[in-house]
């Protein structure tokens, strides 16, 4: 027998509601007990029925667990007040991680990876970006070549002048002999 998905809304029939509460309460208590035994966790569970009846479970002392919870809540609240910008930093970090992931996806697409899910328009944009990038690389390369040629021409002039000086000195030495 297959169970259907239960809709999360109030059960109108009071008897069905009480039966469901009882079954789910028992299941929840069982899970709390299993968690405390299997994981050595300190578990405290407090349930009030719609009639106001109390049902509780504690793996150790309920009072001690509640006091521990209250101490932890006070400490956490104190830390949050002393570091108000912590949430802003966490949000900023999350935004930066999303931006990094987006940039990595874009980079992979520019390298031709992960294009299967791209639309025709995205592929056209990637192609245009690659053309712009290639033109920029070629222009930068052309500038580097031009600077290198200018440096070599300067070096050629310098060497020609040095050669001429050496030729004059050689002629002077020949004249002496």
Protein backbone atom coordinates (compact mmCIF):
# COMPACT_ATOMS: atom_id res chain seq x y z
CA UNK A 1 0.00 0.00 0.00
CA UNK A 2 1.43 3.37 -1.05
CA UNK A 3 0.92 6.38 1.20
CA UNK A 4 0.00 9.64 -0.46
CA UNK A 5 1.68 12.90 0.38
CA UNK A 6 0.08 14.54 3.41
CA UNK A 7 -1.00 18.12 2.93
CA UNK A 8 0.29 20.41 5.64
CA UNK A 9 -2.90 21.98 6.93
CA UNK A 10 -5.02 21.66 10.04
CA UNK A 11 -7.00 18.41 10.33
CA UNK A 12 -10.63 19.44 10.72
CA UNK A 13 -11.94 16.21 12.26
CA UNK A 14 -11.15 16.33 16.01
CA UNK A 15 -10.85 12.54 16.38
CA UNK A 16 -8.52 12.23 13.40
CA UNK A 17 -6.53 15.19 14.65
CA UNK A 18 -6.08 13.57 18.11
CA UNK A 19 -5.08 10.20 16.59
CA UNK A 20 -2.56 11.89 14.28
CA UNK A 21 -1.17 13.96 17.18
CA UNK A 22 -0.76 10.85 19.31
CA UNK A 23 0.99 8.85 16.57
CA UNK A 24 3.29 11.67 15.52
CA UNK A 25 4.10 12.55 19.14
CA UNK A 26 5.11 8.94 19.80
CA UNK A 27 7.21 8.90 16.63
CA UNK A 28 8.89 12.15 17.62
CA UNK A 29 9.63 10.85 21.11
CA UNK A 30 11.09 7.66 19.63
CA UNK A 31 13.34 9.69 17.29
CA UNK A 32 14.51 11.89 20.18
CA UNK A 33 15.38 8.79 22.24
CA UNK A 34 17.23 7.18 19.29
CA UNK A 35 19.20 10.39 18.67
CA UNK A 36 20.27 10.58 22.31
CA UNK A 37 21.35 6.91 22.42
CA UNK A 38 22.99 6.59 19.00
CA UNK A 39 24.80 9.92 18.97
CA UNK A 40 25.23 10.54 22.71
CA UNK A 41 23.41 13.83 22.21
CA UNK A 42 21.78 15.75 25.02
CA UNK A 43 18.17 15.93 23.88
CA UNK A 44 15.19 17.68 25.46
CA UNK A 45 11.76 17.68 23.86
CA UNK A 46 8.74 19.58 25.15
CA UNK A 47 5.31 19.17 23.55
CA UNK A 48 2.03 20.81 24.51
CA UNK A 49 -1.14 19.41 22.96
CA UNK A 50 -3.91 21.70 21.76
CA UNK A 51 -5.69 20.90 25.03
CA UNK A 52 -2.65 22.14 26.97
CA UNK A 53 -1.43 18.71 28.07
CA UNK A 54 2.35 18.54 28.58
CA UNK A 55 4.50 15.74 27.17
CA UNK A 56 8.27 15.84 27.60
CA UNK A 57 11.40 13.78 27.04
CA UNK A 58 14.93 14.44 28.26
CA UNK A 59 18.00 12.28 27.79
CA UNK A 60 19.37 13.70 31.03
CA UNK A 61 17.81 16.29 33.33
CA UNK A 62 15.20 18.49 31.63
CA UNK A 63 16.05 21.39 33.96
CA UNK A 64 19.79 21.12 33.27
CA UNK A 65 19.24 20.96 29.51
CA UNK A 66 16.92 23.99 29.56
CA UNK A 67 19.44 25.97 31.64
CA UNK A 68 22.21 25.00 29.22
CA UNK A 69 20.02 26.18 26.32
CA UNK A 70 19.35 29.51 28.05
CA UNK A 71 23.08 30.06 28.73
CA UNK A 72 23.90 29.27 25.11
CA UNK A 73 21.18 31.65 23.88
CA UNK A 74 22.47 34.46 26.10
CA UNK A 75 26.07 33.91 24.93
CA UNK A 76 25.03 33.83 21.29
CA UNK A 77 22.91 36.96 21.72
CA UNK A 78 25.84 38.71 23.43
CA UNK A 79 28.19 37.78 20.57
CA UNK A 80 25.70 39.02 17.98
CA UNK A 81 25.41 42.37 19.75
CA UNK A 82 29.19 42.72 20.05
CA UNK A 83 29.69 41.93 16.35
CA UNK A 84 26.84 43.70 14.53
CA UNK A 85 28.75 43.84 11.24
CA UNK A 86 29.31 40.05 11.27
CA UNK A 87 26.07 39.47 9.36
CA UNK A 88 27.06 42.09 6.80
CA UNK A 89 30.39 40.35 6.31
CA UNK A 90 28.68 36.97 5.95
CA UNK A 91 26.32 38.42 3.34
CA UNK A 92 29.22 40.04 1.52
CA UNK A 93 31.16 36.77 1.58
CA UNK A 94 28.16 34.90 0.19
CA UNK A 95 27.77 37.49 -2.58
CA UNK A 96 31.47 37.27 -3.42
CA UNK A 97 31.27 33.47 -3.60
CA UNK A 98 28.33 33.75 -6.01
CA UNK A 99 30.27 36.25 -8.12
CA UNK A 100 33.33 33.99 -8.17
CA UNK A 101 31.20 31.04 -9.29
CA UNK A 102 29.64 33.18 -12.02
CA UNK A 103 33.07 34.30 -13.23
CA UNK A 104 34.34 30.73 -13.22
CA UNK A 105 31.36 29.63 -15.34
CA UNK A 106 32.04 32.50 -17.76
CA UNK A 107 35.73 31.57 -17.92
CA UNK A 108 34.91 27.93 -18.65
CA UNK A 109 32.55 29.01 -21.43
CA UNK A 110 35.25 31.24 -22.93
CA UNK A 111 37.53 28.18 -22.94
CA UNK A 112 34.79 26.24 -24.77
CA UNK A 113 33.76 24.11 -21.79
CA UNK A 114 30.19 23.67 -20.54
CA UNK A 115 28.56 25.17 -23.61
CA UNK A 116 25.88 22.47 -23.91
CA UNK A 117 23.35 24.35 -21.80
CA UNK A 118 23.98 27.70 -23.52
CA UNK A 119 21.33 29.29 -25.73
CA UNK A 120 22.03 30.53 -29.25
CA UNK A 121 22.14 34.14 -28.00
CA UNK A 122 24.64 33.23 -25.27
CA UNK A 123 26.83 31.46 -27.82
CA UNK A 124 26.75 34.55 -30.05
CA UNK A 125 27.74 36.76 -27.09
CA UNK A 126 30.61 34.41 -26.25
CA UNK A 127 31.78 34.47 -29.88
CA UNK A 128 31.67 38.29 -29.94
CA UNK A 129 33.59 38.45 -26.67
CA UNK A 130 36.22 36.11 -28.09
CA UNK A 131 36.55 38.31 -31.20
CA UNK A 132 36.99 41.43 -29.02
CA UNK A 133 39.52 39.62 -26.84
CA UNK A 134 41.45 38.38 -29.88
CA UNK A 135 41.54 41.90 -31.34
CA UNK A 136 42.84 43.23 -28.00
CA UNK A 137 45.53 40.52 -27.82
CA UNK A 138 46.62 41.25 -31.40
CA UNK A 139 46.79 45.00 -30.72
CA UNK A 140 48.87 44.41 -27.59
CA UNK A 141 51.15 42.04 -29.49
CA UNK A 142 51.53 44.63 -32.30
CA UNK A 143 52.51 47.29 -29.73
CA UNK A 144 55.08 44.93 -28.18
CA UNK A 145 56.56 44.22 -31.63
CA UNK A 146 56.65 47.93 -32.44
CA UNK A 147 58.48 48.71 -29.18
CA UNK A 148 60.91 45.87 -29.82
CA UNK A 149 61.58 47.12 -33.38
CA UNK A 150 62.17 50.67 -32.08
CA UNK A 151 64.62 49.33 -29.49
CA UNK A 152 66.42 47.29 -32.14
CA UNK A 153 66.66 50.34 -34.43
CA UNK A 154 68.18 52.35 -31.57
CA UNK A 155 70.62 49.52 -30.92
CA UNK A 156 71.45 49.40 -34.65
CA UNK A 157 72.23 53.15 -34.66
CA UNK A 158 74.37 52.78 -31.56
CA UNK A 159 76.27 49.80 -33.05
CA UNK A 160 76.72 51.61 -36.38
CA UNK A 161 78.21 54.60 -34.54
CA UNK A 162 80.49 52.29 -32.53
CA UNK A 163 81.48 50.50 -35.74
CA UNK A 164 82.32 53.82 -37.37
CA UNK A 165 84.48 54.83 -34.37
CA UNK A 166 86.28 51.52 -34.51
CA UNK A 167 86.81 51.88 -38.28
CA UNK A 168 88.36 55.35 -37.74
CA UNK A 169 90.63 53.97 -35.03
CA UNK A 170 91.62 51.12 -37.34
CA UNK A 171 92.41 53.63 -40.11
CA UNK A 172 94.51 55.70 -37.67
CA UNK A 173 96.42 52.63 -36.57
CA UNK A 174 97.08 51.69 -40.25
CA UNK A 175 98.36 55.22 -40.94
CA UNK A 176 100.86 54.98 -38.11
CA UNK A 177 102.41 51.80 -39.53
